[in-house]
Structures are given as C-alpha cells and as structure tokens.
C-alpha cells in the first residue's frame, strides 16, 4: 500500500488504532481490520459479509479489491479489502459503539478529502 494514501483511525476509547487505506474516494479495510474496529472476531465479520452478499444488499465485486500487504514475516500477500459501503453494512449488523464512531469519522474524512483533495 502506498503510504501517502493511508490515514490513521483511532477509536474514541483508544482501544482501536488502524491504518486505513484511502483509494478511489473511499476507505478500505480487511476482515481482520474490521474485527479490530468493531471489537469482534474476524469470523463474525466474515459471517456478516457472507450474508450481506447472499441477501444482495451489496455486490461483492463492487465492494472488494485485493491489495498487497506486508506481513510480519516480511513477505507481501494479496489480501481482500472491503470498501466503506461494506464496512458500514457490517457495522450496522454488529451494531457496536465503535462502529458508530467509525462511520462518523469516515464520513468526515471522505468529505474533507473530496472538498480539499487531501486529509489532515
């Protein structure tokens, strides 16, 4: 991931800190990152995503991209990431206070990026 397109998200409670990829006027997170964000398991996130696609709430092809991620072993791996639409859908299903905090933050950052062309 290009470092100039990464912004840092810190939850209000200080328990979650994520590097959020900003690309194509949206934010992108992996299932693992969503689990940290929503304070749940990656399996729980995966289950909600599966149901979101099964119920045709969102089209998987339109809300996913693969990005290279450097793992702790120093190797790069292609990891599926989900855009803000998918993140919000999962957040509503999990219905956590951290999810609400993130939706407010992400909307603010996207508006700032669209208006100014950059995010502070």
PDB file of N, CA and C in Angstrom:
ATOM      1  N   UNK A   1       0.841  -1.180   0.000  1.00  0.00           N
ATOM      2  CA  UNK A   1       0.000   0.000   0.000  1.00  0.00           C
ATOM      3  C   UNK A   1       0.884   1.241   0.000  1.00  0.00           C
ATOM      4  N   UNK A   2       0.489   2.239  -0.738  1.00  0.00           N
ATOM      5  CA  UNK A   2       1.228   3.489  -0.776  1.00  0.00           C
ATOM      6  C   UNK A   2       0.965   4.262   0.504  1.00  0.00           C
ATOM      7  N   UNK A   3       2.049   4.678   1.144  1.00  0.00           N
ATOM      8  CA  UNK A   3       1.922   5.341   2.440  1.00  0.00           C
ATOM      9  C   UNK A   3       1.185   6.674   2.368  1.00  0.00           C
ATOM     10  N   UNK A   4       1.234   7.360   1.216  1.00  0.00           N
ATOM     11  CA  UNK A   4       0.557   8.651   1.143  1.00  0.00           C
ATOM     12  C   UNK A   4      -0.952   8.500   1.034  1.00  0.00           C
ATOM     13  N   UNK A   5      -1.448   7.289   0.919  1.00  0.00           N
ATOM     14  CA  UNK A   5      -2.881   7.061   0.844  1.00  0.00           C
ATOM     15  C   UNK A   5      -3.385   6.309   2.069  1.00  0.00           C
ATOM     16  N   UNK A   6      -2.636   6.384   3.130  1.00  0.00           N
ATOM     17  CA  UNK A   6      -3.043   5.730   4.374  1.00  0.00           C
ATOM     18  C   UNK A   6      -3.291   6.809   5.419  1.00  0.00           C
ATOM     19  N   UNK A   7      -4.431   6.719   6.076  1.00  0.00           N
ATOM     20  CA  UNK A   7      -4.726   7.619   7.182  1.00  0.00           C
ATOM     21  C   UNK A   7      -4.929   6.771   8.436  1.00  0.00           C
ATOM     22  N   UNK A   8      -4.696   7.364   9.568  1.00  0.00           N
ATOM     23  CA  UNK A   8      -4.778   6.634  10.834  1.00  0.00           C
ATOM     24  C   UNK A   8      -6.126   6.904  11.488  1.00  0.00           C
ATOM     25  N   UNK A   9      -6.771   5.822  11.905  1.00  0.00           N
ATOM     26  CA  UNK A   9      -8.018   5.929  12.659  1.00  0.00           C
ATOM     27  C   UNK A   9      -7.746   5.481  14.086  1.00  0.00           C
ATOM     28  N   UNK A  10      -8.110   6.300  15.048  1.00  0.00           N
ATOM     29  CA  UNK A  10      -8.052   5.949  16.466  1.00  0.00           C
ATOM     30  C   UNK A  10      -9.465   6.018  17.026  1.00  0.00           C
ATOM     31  N   UNK A  11      -9.898   4.938  17.674  1.00  0.00           N
ATOM     32  CA  UNK A  11     -11.232   4.957  18.276  1.00  0.00           C
ATOM     33  C   UNK A  11     -11.247   5.926  19.450  1.00  0.00           C
ATOM     34  N   UNK A  12     -12.431   6.426  19.779  1.00  0.00           N
ATOM     35  CA  UNK A  12     -12.561   7.374  20.887  1.00  0.00           C
ATOM     36  C   UNK A  12     -12.125   6.769  22.215  1.00  0.00           C
ATOM     37  N   UNK A  13     -12.329   5.451  22.363  1.00  0.00           N
ATOM     38  CA  UNK A  13     -11.940   4.807  23.620  1.00  0.00           C
ATOM     39  C   UNK A  13     -10.452   4.451  23.653  1.00  0.00           C
ATOM     40  N   UNK A  14      -9.739   4.696  22.548  1.00  0.00           N
ATOM     41  CA  UNK A  14      -8.309   4.432  22.486  1.00  0.00           C
ATOM     42  C   UNK A  14      -7.938   2.974  22.343  1.00  0.00           C
ATOM     43  N   UNK A  15      -8.915   2.106  22.223  1.00  0.00           N
ATOM     44  CA  UNK A  15      -8.659   0.674  22.144  1.00  0.00           C
ATOM     45  C   UNK A  15      -8.336   0.195  20.731  1.00  0.00           C
ATOM     46  N   UNK A  16      -8.737   0.936  19.719  1.00  0.00           N
ATOM     47  CA  UNK A  16      -8.505   0.509  18.338  1.00  0.00           C
ATOM     48  C   UNK A  16      -7.728   1.582  17.593  1.00  0.00           C
ATOM     49  N   UNK A  17      -6.651   1.161  16.941  1.00  0.00           N
ATOM     50  CA  UNK A  17      -5.875   2.049  16.081  1.00  0.00           C
ATOM     51  C   UNK A  17      -5.648   1.295  14.780  1.00  0.00           C
ATOM     52  N   UNK A  18      -6.071   1.897  13.676  1.00  0.00           N
ATOM     53  CA  UNK A  18      -5.972   1.233  12.380  1.00  0.00           C
ATOM     54  C   UNK A  18      -5.348   2.140  11.348  1.00  0.00           C
ATOM     55  N   UNK A  19      -4.546   1.543  10.465  1.00  0.00           N
ATOM     56  CA  UNK A  19      -4.107   2.229   9.265  1.00  0.00           C
ATOM     57  C   UNK A  19      -5.179   1.965   8.222  1.00  0.00           C
ATOM     58  N   UNK A  20      -5.819   3.015   7.764  1.00  0.00           N
ATOM     59  CA  UNK A  20      -6.940   2.897   6.838  1.00  0.00           C
ATOM     60  C   UNK A  20      -6.485   3.327   5.455  1.00  0.00           C
ATOM     61  N   UNK A  21      -6.668   2.457   4.474  1.00  0.00           N
ATOM     62  CA  UNK A  21      -6.305   2.767   3.097  1.00  0.00           C
ATOM     63  C   UNK A  21      -7.370   3.657   2.482  1.00  0.00           C
ATOM     64  N   UNK A  22      -6.945   4.759   1.895  1.00  0.00           N
ATOM     65  CA  UNK A  22      -7.840   5.675   1.190  1.00  0.00           C
ATOM     66  C   UNK A  22      -7.518   5.586  -0.294  1.00  0.00           C
ATOM     67  N   UNK A  23      -8.471   5.101  -1.079  1.00  0.00           N
ATOM     68  CA  UNK A  23      -8.269   4.874  -2.509  1.00  0.00           C
ATOM     69  C   UNK A  23      -9.610   4.999  -3.217  1.00  0.00           C
ATOM     70  N   UNK A  24      -9.624   5.644  -4.366  1.00  0.00           N
ATOM     71  CA  UNK A  24     -10.845   5.791  -5.170  1.00  0.00           C
ATOM     72  C   UNK A  24     -11.997   6.406  -4.375  1.00  0.00           C
ATOM     73  N   UNK A  25     -11.696   7.430  -3.603  1.00  0.00           N
ATOM     74  CA  UNK A  25     -12.683   8.190  -2.831  1.00  0.00           C
ATOM     75  C   UNK A  25     -13.467   7.353  -1.827  1.00  0.00           C
ATOM     76  N   UNK A  26     -12.829   6.315  -1.304  1.00  0.00           N
ATOM     77  CA  UNK A  26     -13.433   5.520  -0.240  1.00  0.00           C
ATOM     78  C   UNK A  26     -12.326   4.959   0.639  1.00  0.00           C
ATOM     79  N   UNK A  27     -12.689   4.394   1.759  1.00  0.00           N
ATOM     80  CA  UNK A  27     -11.720   3.736   2.632  1.00  0.00           C
ATOM     81  C   UNK A  27     -11.847   2.235   2.450  1.00  0.00           C
ATOM     82  N   UNK A  28     -10.758   1.523   2.724  1.00  0.00           N
ATOM     83  CA  UNK A  28     -10.703   0.078   2.537  1.00  0.00           C
ATOM     84  C   UNK A  28     -10.120  -0.583   3.779  1.00  0.00           C
ATOM     85  N   UNK A  29     -10.775  -1.649   4.245  1.00  0.00           N
ATOM     86  CA  UNK A  29     -10.289  -2.435   5.375  1.00  0.00           C
ATOM     87  C   UNK A  29     -10.390  -3.918   5.044  1.00  0.00           C
ATOM     88  N   UNK A  30      -9.483  -4.708   5.611  1.00  0.00           N
ATOM     89  CA  UNK A  30      -9.578  -6.166   5.514  1.00  0.00           C
ATOM     90  C   UNK A  30     -10.556  -6.666   6.581  1.00  0.00           C
ATOM     91  N   UNK A  31     -10.895  -7.951   6.514  1.00  0.00           N
ATOM     92  CA  UNK A  31     -11.771  -8.525   7.547  1.00  0.00           C
ATOM     93  C   UNK A  31     -11.111  -8.423   8.923  1.00  0.00           C
ATOM     94  N   UNK A  32      -9.811  -8.658   8.964  1.00  0.00           N
ATOM     95  CA  UNK A  32      -9.086  -8.590  10.234  1.00  0.00           C
ATOM     96  C   UNK A  32      -9.147  -7.173  10.813  1.00  0.00           C
ATOM     97  N   UNK A  33      -8.980  -6.169   9.963  1.00  0.00           N
ATOM     98  CA  UNK A  33      -9.062  -4.784  10.430  1.00  0.00           C
ATOM     99  C   UNK A  33     -10.469  -4.443  10.911  1.00  0.00           C
ATOM    100  N   UNK A  34     -11.485  -4.941  10.195  1.00  0.00           N
ATOM    101  CA  UNK A  34     -12.862  -4.692  10.639  1.00  0.00           C
ATOM    102  C   UNK A  34     -13.118  -5.321  12.001  1.00  0.00           C
ATOM    103  N   UNK A  35     -12.530  -6.497  12.241  1.00  0.00           N
ATOM    104  CA  UNK A  35     -12.702  -7.156  13.536  1.00  0.00           C
ATOM    105  C   UNK A  35     -12.115  -6.298  14.658  1.00  0.00           C
ATOM    106  N   UNK A  36     -10.956  -5.700  14.414  1.00  0.00           N
ATOM    107  CA  UNK A  36     -10.358  -4.794  15.403  1.00  0.00           C
ATOM    108  C   UNK A  36     -11.260  -3.578  15.587  1.00  0.00           C
ATOM    109  N   UNK A  37     -11.702  -3.032  14.474  1.00  0.00           N
ATOM    110  CA  UNK A  37     -12.546  -1.839  14.501  1.00  0.00           C
ATOM    111  C   UNK A  37     -13.817  -2.054  15.316  1.00  0.00           C
ATOM    112  N   UNK A  38     -14.500  -3.174  15.058  1.00  0.00           N
ATOM    113  CA  UNK A  38     -15.792  -3.427  15.688  1.00  0.00           C
ATOM    114  C   UNK A  38     -15.685  -4.245  16.969  1.00  0.00           C
ATOM    115  N   UNK A  39     -14.452  -4.552  17.390  1.00  0.00           N
ATOM    116  CA  UNK A  39     -14.220  -5.298  18.626  1.00  0.00           C
ATOM    117  C   UNK A  39     -14.965  -6.633  18.616  1.00  0.00           C
ATOM    118  N   UNK A  40     -14.708  -7.403  17.551  1.00  0.00           N
ATOM    119  CA  UNK A  40     -15.322  -8.729  17.412  1.00  0.00           C
ATOM    120  C   UNK A  40     -14.322  -9.639  16.699  1.00  0.00           C
ATOM    121  N   UNK A  41     -14.718 -10.854  16.384  1.00  0.00           N
ATOM    122  CA  UNK A  41     -13.820 -11.781  15.698  1.00  0.00           C
ATOM    123  C   UNK A  41     -13.887 -11.586  14.184  1.00  0.00           C
ATOM    124  N   UNK A  42     -12.808 -11.974  13.503  1.00  0.00           N
ATOM    125  CA  UNK A  42     -12.794 -11.929  12.040  1.00  0.00           C
ATOM    126  C   UNK A  42     -13.844 -12.890  11.480  1.00  0.00           C
ATOM    127  N   UNK A  43     -14.094 -13.994  12.183  1.00  0.00           N
ATOM    128  CA  UNK A  43     -15.137 -14.933  11.753  1.00  0.00           C
ATOM    129  C   UNK A  43     -16.508 -14.269  11.767  1.00  0.00           C
ATOM    130  N   UNK A  44     -16.765 -13.456  12.781  1.00  0.00           N
ATOM    131  CA  UNK A  44     -18.037 -12.735  12.881  1.00  0.00           C
ATOM    132  C   UNK A  44     -18.187 -11.768  11.707  1.00  0.00           C
ATOM    133  N   UNK A  45     -17.118 -11.045  11.397  1.00  0.00           N
ATOM    134  CA  UNK A  45     -17.138 -10.129  10.251  1.00  0.00           C
ATOM    135  C   UNK A  45     -17.403 -10.911   8.969  1.00  0.00           C
ATOM    136  N   UNK A  46     -16.701 -12.033   8.799  1.00  0.00           N
ATOM    137  CA  UNK A  46     -16.873 -12.856   7.602  1.00  0.00           C
ATOM    138  C   UNK A  46     -18.291 -13.376   7.449  1.00  0.00           C
ATOM    139  N   UNK A  47     -18.904 -13.775   8.548  1.00  0.00           N
ATOM    140  CA  UNK A  47     -20.288 -14.252   8.521  1.00  0.00           C
ATOM    141  C   UNK A  47     -21.233 -13.148   8.060  1.00  0.00           C
ATOM    142  N   UNK A  48     -21.056 -11.947   8.596  1.00  0.00           N
ATOM    143  CA  UNK A  48     -21.907 -10.826   8.189  1.00  0.00           C
ATOM    144  C   UNK A  48     -21.698 -10.484   6.719  1.00  0.00           C
ATOM    145  N   UNK A  49     -20.442 -10.489   6.256  1.00  0.00           N
ATOM    146  CA  UNK A  49     -20.178 -10.201   4.846  1.00  0.00           C
ATOM    147  C   UNK A  49     -20.837 -11.248   3.948  1.00  0.00           C
ATOM    148  N   UNK A  50     -20.724 -12.502   4.336  1.00  0.00           N
ATOM    149  CA  UNK A  50     -21.343 -13.580   3.559  1.00  0.00           C
ATOM    150  C   UNK A  50     -22.847 -13.343   3.429  1.00  0.00           C
ATOM    151  N   UNK A  51     -23.499 -12.981   4.522  1.00  0.00           N
ATOM    152  CA  UNK A  51     -24.941 -12.721   4.490  1.00  0.00           C
ATOM    153  C   UNK A  51     -25.283 -11.467   3.694  1.00  0.00           C
ATOM    154  N   UNK A  52     -24.453 -10.443   3.792  1.00  0.00           N
ATOM    155  CA  UNK A  52     -24.668  -9.208   3.024  1.00  0.00           C
ATOM    156  C   UNK A  52     -24.674  -9.518   1.533  1.00  0.00           C
ATOM    157  N   UNK A  53     -23.737 -10.353   1.088  1.00  0.00           N
ATOM    158  CA  UNK A  53     -23.667 -10.701  -0.336  1.00  0.00           C
ATOM    159  C   UNK A  53     -24.774 -11.683  -0.721  1.00  0.00           C
ATOM    160  N   UNK A  54     -25.082 -12.629   0.158  1.00  0.00           N
ATOM    161  CA  UNK A  54     -26.137 -13.611  -0.111  1.00  0.00           C
ATOM    162  C   UNK A  54     -27.503 -12.939  -0.255  1.00  0.00           C
ATOM    163  N   UNK A  55     -27.748 -11.923   0.566  1.00  0.00           N
ATOM    164  CA  UNK A  55     -29.026 -11.201   0.545  1.00  0.00           C
ATOM    165  C   UNK A  55     -29.065 -10.101  -0.514  1.00  0.00           C
ATOM    166  N   UNK A  56     -27.985  -9.999  -1.293  1.00  0.00           N
ATOM    167  CA  UNK A  56     -27.867  -8.986  -2.355  1.00  0.00           C
ATOM    168  C   UNK A  56     -27.978  -7.556  -1.843  1.00  0.00           C
ATOM    169  N   UNK A  57     -27.603  -7.348  -0.595  1.00  0.00           N
ATOM    170  CA  UNK A  57     -27.534  -5.983  -0.067  1.00  0.00           C
ATOM    171  C   UNK A  57     -26.445  -5.214  -0.815  1.00  0.00           C
ATOM    172  N   UNK A  58     -25.331  -5.908  -1.068  1.00  0.00           N
ATOM    173  CA  UNK A  58     -24.225  -5.360  -1.853  1.00  0.00           C
ATOM    174  C   UNK A  58     -23.708  -6.439  -2.792  1.00  0.00           C
ATOM    175  N   UNK A  59     -23.092  -6.016  -3.880  1.00  0.00           N
ATOM    176  CA  UNK A  59     -22.443  -6.939  -4.805  1.00  0.00           C
ATOM    177  C   UNK A  59     -20.979  -7.066  -4.402  1.00  0.00           C
ATOM    178  N   UNK A  60     -20.534  -8.282  -4.158  1.00  0.00           N
ATOM    179  CA  UNK A  60     -19.161  -8.494  -3.697  1.00  0.00           C
ATOM    180  C   UNK A  60     -18.139  -7.880  -4.654  1.00  0.00           C
ATOM    181  N   UNK A  61     -18.367  -8.019  -5.953  1.00  0.00           N
ATOM    182  CA  UNK A  61     -17.420  -7.492  -6.940  1.00  0.00           C
ATOM    183  C   UNK A  61     -17.300  -5.976  -6.892  1.00  0.00           C
ATOM    184  N   UNK A  62     -18.336  -5.291  -6.462  1.00  0.00           N
ATOM    185  CA  UNK A  62     -18.301  -3.826  -6.460  1.00  0.00           C
ATOM    186  C   UNK A  62     -17.743  -3.234  -5.167  1.00  0.00           C
ATOM    187  N   UNK A  63     -17.578  -4.045  -4.130  1.00  0.00           N
ATOM    188  CA  UNK A  63     -17.116  -3.503  -2.847  1.00  0.00           C
ATOM    189  C   UNK A  63     -15.811  -4.128  -2.362  1.00  0.00           C
ATOM    190  N   UNK A  64     -15.155  -4.939  -3.202  1.00  0.00           N
ATOM    191  CA  UNK A  64     -13.907  -5.584  -2.793  1.00  0.00           C
ATOM    192  C   UNK A  64     -12.776  -5.286  -3.771  1.00  0.00           C
ATOM    193  N   UNK A  65     -11.581  -5.237  -3.239  1.00  0.00           N
ATOM    194  CA  UNK A  65     -10.338  -5.100  -4.003  1.00  0.00           C
ATOM    195  C   UNK A  65      -9.264  -5.868  -3.252  1.00  0.00           C
ATOM    196  N   UNK A  66      -8.302  -6.393  -3.998  1.00  0.00           N
ATOM    197  CA  UNK A  66      -7.150  -7.035  -3.368  1.00  0.00           C
ATOM    198  C   UNK A  66      -5.986  -6.047  -3.347  1.00  0.00           C
ATOM    199  N   UNK A  67      -5.348  -5.922  -2.194  1.00  0.00           N
ATOM    200  CA  UNK A  67      -4.187  -5.050  -2.032  1.00  0.00           C
ATOM    201  C   UNK A  67      -3.048  -5.858  -1.438  1.00  0.00           C
ATOM    202  N   UNK A  68      -1.821  -5.498  -1.796  1.00  0.00           N
ATOM    203  CA  UNK A  68      -0.643  -6.142  -1.221  1.00  0.00           C
ATOM    204  C   UNK A  68      -0.427  -5.625   0.192  1.00  0.00           C
ATOM    205  N   UNK A  69      -0.217  -6.565   1.094  1.00  0.00           N
ATOM    206  CA  UNK A  69       0.029  -6.235   2.493  1.00  0.00           C
ATOM    207  C   UNK A  69       1.309  -6.940   2.910  1.00  0.00           C
ATOM    208  N   UNK A  70       2.194  -6.237   3.597  1.00  0.00           N
ATOM    209  CA  UNK A  70       3.422  -6.841   4.101  1.00  0.00           C
ATOM    210  C   UNK A  70       3.142  -7.438   5.474  1.00  0.00           C
ATOM    211  N   UNK A  71       3.361  -8.736   5.581  1.00  0.00           N
ATOM    212  CA  UNK A  71       3.105  -9.450   6.837  1.00  0.00           C
ATOM    213  C   UNK A  71       4.320  -9.345   7.756  1.00  0.00           C
ATOM    214  N   UNK A  72       4.173  -9.853   8.962  1.00  0.00           N
ATOM    215  CA  UNK A  72       5.256  -9.791   9.948  1.00  0.00           C
ATOM    216  C   UNK A  72       6.485 -10.584   9.500  1.00  0.00           C
ATOM    217  N   UNK A  73       6.302 -11.536   8.562  1.00  0.00           N
ATOM    218  CA  UNK A  73       7.442 -12.297   8.041  1.00  0.00           C
ATOM    219  C   UNK A  73       8.178 -11.546   6.928  1.00  0.00           C
ATOM    220  N   UNK A  74       7.720 -10.331   6.626  1.00  0.00           N
ATOM    221  CA  UNK A  74       8.367  -9.514   5.608  1.00  0.00           C
ATOM    222  C   UNK A  74       7.902  -9.785   4.190  1.00  0.00           C
ATOM    223  N   UNK A  75       7.046 -10.769   4.012  1.00  0.00           N
ATOM    224  CA  UNK A  75       6.544 -11.110   2.678  1.00  0.00           C
ATOM    225  C   UNK A  75       5.280 -10.322   2.369  1.00  0.00           C
ATOM    226  N   UNK A  76       5.068 -10.088   1.079  1.00  0.00           N
ATOM    227  CA  UNK A  76       3.851  -9.410   0.634  1.00  0.00           C
ATOM    228  C   UNK A  76       2.799 -10.438   0.252  1.00  0.00           C
ATOM    229  N   UNK A  77       1.580 -10.187   0.675  1.00  0.00           N
ATOM    230  CA  UNK A  77       0.456 -11.061   0.369  1.00  0.00           C
ATOM    231  C   UNK A  77      -0.686 -10.220  -0.172  1.00  0.00           C
ATOM    232  N   UNK A  78      -1.458 -10.805  -1.090  1.00  0.00           N
ATOM    233  CA  UNK A  78      -2.670 -10.150  -1.582  1.00  0.00           C
ATOM    234  C   UNK A  78      -3.781 -10.442  -0.580  1.00  0.00           C
ATOM    235  N   UNK A  79      -4.381  -9.383  -0.056  1.00  0.00           N
ATOM    236  CA  UNK A  79      -5.440  -9.518   0.949  1.00  0.00           C
ATOM    237  C   UNK A  79      -6.672  -8.789   0.444  1.00  0.00           C
ATOM    238  N   UNK A  80      -7.819  -9.453   0.558  1.00  0.00           N
ATOM    239  CA  UNK A  80      -9.073  -8.833   0.137  1.00  0.00           C
ATOM    240  C   UNK A  80      -9.446  -7.733   1.122  1.00  0.00           C
ATOM    241  N   UNK A  81      -9.770  -6.569   0.573  1.00  0.00           N
ATOM    242  CA  UNK A  81     -10.217  -5.425   1.361  1.00  0.00           C
ATOM    243  C   UNK A  81     -11.628  -5.054   0.928  1.00  0.00           C
ATOM    244  N   UNK A  82     -12.351  -4.429   1.828  1.00  0.00           N
ATOM    245  CA  UNK A  82     -13.750  -4.072   1.608  1.00  0.00           C
ATOM    246  C   UNK A  82     -13.897  -2.566   1.743  1.00  0.00           C
ATOM    247  N   UNK A  83     -14.717  -1.969   0.871  1.00  0.00           N
ATOM    248  CA  UNK A  83     -14.857  -0.509   0.892  1.00  0.00           C
ATOM    249  C   UNK A  83     -15.835  -0.057   1.976  1.00  0.00           C
ATOM    250  N   UNK A  84     -16.010   1.259   2.042  1.00  0.00           N
ATOM    251  CA  UNK A  84     -16.826   1.845   3.105  1.00  0.00           C
ATOM    252  C   UNK A  84     -18.257   1.318   3.105  1.00  0.00           C
ATOM    253  N   UNK A  85     -18.830   1.072   1.929  1.00  0.00           N
ATOM    254  CA  UNK A  85     -20.195   0.531   1.887  1.00  0.00           C
ATOM    255  C   UNK A  85     -20.279  -0.788   2.650  1.00  0.00           C
ATOM    256  N   UNK A  86     -19.302  -1.671   2.413  1.00  0.00           N
ATOM    257  CA  UNK A  86     -19.293  -2.965   3.101  1.00  0.00           C
ATOM    258  C   UNK A  86     -19.010  -2.789   4.589  1.00  0.00           C
ATOM    259  N   UNK A  87     -18.075  -1.897   4.909  1.00  0.00           N
ATOM    260  CA  UNK A  87     -17.732  -1.654   6.315  1.00  0.00           C
ATOM    261  C   UNK A  87     -18.957  -1.151   7.080  1.00  0.00           C
ATOM    262  N   UNK A  88     -19.672  -0.217   6.485  1.00  0.00           N
ATOM    263  CA  UNK A  88     -20.875   0.320   7.132  1.00  0.00           C
ATOM    264  C   UNK A  88     -21.940  -0.763   7.282  1.00  0.00           C
ATOM    265  N   UNK A  89     -22.125  -1.582   6.250  1.00  0.00           N
ATOM    266  CA  UNK A  89     -23.114  -2.666   6.333  1.00  0.00           C
ATOM    267  C   UNK A  89     -22.779  -3.627   7.463  1.00  0.00           C
ATOM    268  N   UNK A  90     -21.513  -3.991   7.578  1.00  0.00           N
ATOM    269  CA  UNK A  90     -21.093  -4.866   8.672  1.00  0.00           C
ATOM    270  C   UNK A  90     -21.302  -4.156  10.009  1.00  0.00           C
ATOM    271  N   UNK A  91     -20.942  -2.880  10.063  1.00  0.00           N
ATOM    272  CA  UNK A  91     -21.088  -2.113  11.303  1.00  0.00           C
ATOM    273  C   UNK A  91     -22.516  -2.042  11.795  1.00  0.00           C
ATOM    274  N   UNK A  92     -23.456  -1.885  10.870  1.00  0.00           N
ATOM    275  CA  UNK A  92     -24.866  -1.855  11.278  1.00  0.00           C
ATOM    276  C   UNK A  92     -25.318  -3.210  11.795  1.00  0.00           C
ATOM    277  N   UNK A  93     -24.790  -4.272  11.223  1.00  0.00           N
ATOM    278  CA  UNK A  93     -25.193  -5.607  11.667  1.00  0.00           C
ATOM    279  C   UNK A  93     -24.579  -5.947  13.019  1.00  0.00           C
ATOM    280  N   UNK A  94     -23.359  -5.529  13.238  1.00  0.00           N
ATOM    281  CA  UNK A  94     -22.709  -5.778  14.522  1.00  0.00           C
ATOM    282  C   UNK A  94     -23.246  -4.815  15.567  1.00  0.00           C
ATOM    283  N   UNK A  95     -23.566  -3.611  15.131  1.00  0.00           N
ATOM    284  CA  UNK A  95     -24.218  -2.614  15.982  1.00  0.00           C
ATOM    285  C   UNK A  95     -23.425  -2.316  17.251  1.00  0.00           C
ATOM    286  N   UNK A  96     -22.168  -1.940  17.059  1.00  0.00           N
ATOM    287  CA  UNK A  96     -21.333  -1.599  18.207  1.00  0.00           C
ATOM    288  C   UNK A  96     -21.112  -0.094  18.271  1.00  0.00           C
ATOM    289  N   UNK A  97     -20.767   0.389  19.443  1.00  0.00           N
ATOM    290  CA  UNK A  97     -20.499   1.826  19.574  1.00  0.00           C
ATOM    291  C   UNK A  97     -19.268   2.210  18.772  1.00  0.00           C
ATOM    292  N   UNK A  98     -18.293   1.300  18.674  1.00  0.00           N
ATOM    293  CA  UNK A  98     -17.118   1.589  17.853  1.00  0.00           C
ATOM    294  C   UNK A  98     -17.489   1.703  16.386  1.00  0.00           C
ATOM    295  N   UNK A  99     -18.452   0.923  15.952  1.00  0.00           N
ATOM    296  CA  UNK A  99     -18.906   1.022  14.566  1.00  0.00           C
ATOM    297  C   UNK A  99     -19.507   2.379  14.274  1.00  0.00           C
ATOM    298  N   UNK A 100     -20.310   2.866  15.187  1.00  0.00           N
ATOM    299  CA  UNK A 100     -20.915   4.191  15.031  1.00  0.00           C
ATOM    300  C   UNK A 100     -19.840   5.265  14.999  1.00  0.00           C
ATOM    301  N   UNK A 101     -18.871   5.174  15.894  1.00  0.00           N
ATOM    302  CA  UNK A 101     -17.767   6.135  15.909  1.00  0.00           C
ATOM    303  C   UNK A 101     -17.035   6.140  14.567  1.00  0.00           C
ATOM    304  N   UNK A 102     -16.787   4.937  14.026  1.00  0.00           N
ATOM    305  CA  UNK A 102     -16.061   4.851  12.761  1.00  0.00           C
ATOM    306  C   UNK A 102     -16.859   5.459  11.616  1.00  0.00           C
ATOM    307  N   UNK A 103     -18.141   5.179  11.550  1.00  0.00           N
ATOM    308  CA  UNK A 103     -18.955   5.720  10.451  1.00  0.00           C
ATOM    309  C   UNK A 103     -18.923   7.248  10.461  1.00  0.00           C
ATOM    310  N   UNK A 104     -19.004   7.843  11.626  1.00  0.00           N
ATOM    311  CA  UNK A 104     -18.941   9.307  11.739  1.00  0.00           C
ATOM    312  C   UNK A 104     -17.574   9.811  11.273  1.00  0.00           C
ATOM    313  N   UNK A 105     -16.509   9.163  11.738  1.00  0.00           N
ATOM    314  CA  UNK A 105     -15.150   9.561  11.374  1.00  0.00           C
ATOM    315  C   UNK A 105     -14.911   9.416   9.875  1.00  0.00           C
ATOM    316  N   UNK A 106     -15.288   8.266   9.307  1.00  0.00           N
ATOM    317  CA  UNK A 106     -15.037   8.008   7.889  1.00  0.00           C
ATOM    318  C   UNK A 106     -15.777   8.998   7.001  1.00  0.00           C
ATOM    319  N   UNK A 107     -17.007   9.291   7.332  1.00  0.00           N
ATOM    320  CA  UNK A 107     -17.782  10.257   6.549  1.00  0.00           C
ATOM    321  C   UNK A 107     -17.114  11.624   6.587  1.00  0.00           C
ATOM    322  N   UNK A 108     -16.652  12.035   7.749  1.00  0.00           N
ATOM    323  CA  UNK A 108     -15.964  13.323   7.890  1.00  0.00           C
ATOM    324  C   UNK A 108     -14.691  13.348   7.048  1.00  0.00           C
ATOM    325  N   UNK A 109     -13.887  12.288   7.107  1.00  0.00           N
ATOM    326  CA  UNK A 109     -12.626  12.239   6.363  1.00  0.00           C
ATOM    327  C   UNK A 109     -12.865  12.224   4.860  1.00  0.00           C
ATOM    328  N   UNK A 110     -13.859  11.482   4.415  1.00  0.00           N
ATOM    329  CA  UNK A 110     -14.155  11.441   2.984  1.00  0.00           C
ATOM    330  C   UNK A 110     -14.612  12.801   2.477  1.00  0.00           C
ATOM    331  N   UNK A 111     -15.455  13.467   3.236  1.00  0.00           N
ATOM    332  CA  UNK A 111     -15.901  14.805   2.838  1.00  0.00           C
ATOM    333  C   UNK A 111     -14.709  15.754   2.749  1.00  0.00           C
ATOM    334  N   UNK A 112     -13.828  15.675   3.738  1.00  0.00           N
ATOM    335  CA  UNK A 112     -12.639  16.525   3.755  1.00  0.00           C
ATOM    336  C   UNK A 112     -11.764  16.254   2.531  1.00  0.00           C
ATOM    337  N   UNK A 113     -11.581  14.978   2.208  1.00  0.00           N
ATOM    338  CA  UNK A 113     -10.760  14.594   1.060  1.00  0.00           C
ATOM    339  C   UNK A 113     -11.381  15.077  -0.245  1.00  0.00           C
ATOM    340  N   UNK A 114     -12.672  14.900  -0.392  1.00  0.00           N
ATOM    341  CA  UNK A 114     -13.363  15.302  -1.623  1.00  0.00           C
ATOM    342  C   UNK A 114     -13.326  16.824  -1.791  1.00  0.00           C
ATOM    343  N   UNK A 115     -13.523  17.557  -0.711  1.00  0.00           N
ATOM    344  CA  UNK A 115     -13.556  19.020  -0.784  1.00  0.00           C
ATOM    345  C   UNK A 115     -12.152  19.606  -0.952  1.00  0.00           C
ATOM    346  N   UNK A 116     -11.202  19.142  -0.129  1.00  0.00           N
ATOM    347  CA  UNK A 116      -9.865  19.732  -0.120  1.00  0.00           C
ATOM    348  C   UNK A 116      -8.870  19.015  -1.031  1.00  0.00           C
ATOM    349  N   UNK A 117      -9.125  17.738  -1.315  1.00  0.00           N
ATOM    350  CA  UNK A 117      -8.177  16.951  -2.105  1.00  0.00           C
ATOM    351  C   UNK A 117      -7.105  16.293  -1.256  1.00  0.00           C
ATOM    352  N   UNK A 118      -7.180  16.478   0.061  1.00  0.00           N
ATOM    353  CA  UNK A 118      -6.247  15.841   0.983  1.00  0.00           C
ATOM    354  C   UNK A 118      -6.910  15.734   2.353  1.00  0.00           C
ATOM    355  N   UNK A 119      -6.299  14.916   3.216  1.00  0.00           N
ATOM    356  CA  UNK A 119      -6.827  14.718   4.568  1.00  0.00           C
ATOM    357  C   UNK A 119      -5.719  15.013   5.558  1.00  0.00           C
ATOM    358  N   UNK A 120      -6.054  15.721   6.621  1.00  0.00           N
ATOM    359  CA  UNK A 120      -5.073  16.008   7.686  1.00  0.00           C
ATOM    360  C   UNK A 120      -5.180  14.956   8.762  1.00  0.00           C
TER     361      UNK A 120
END
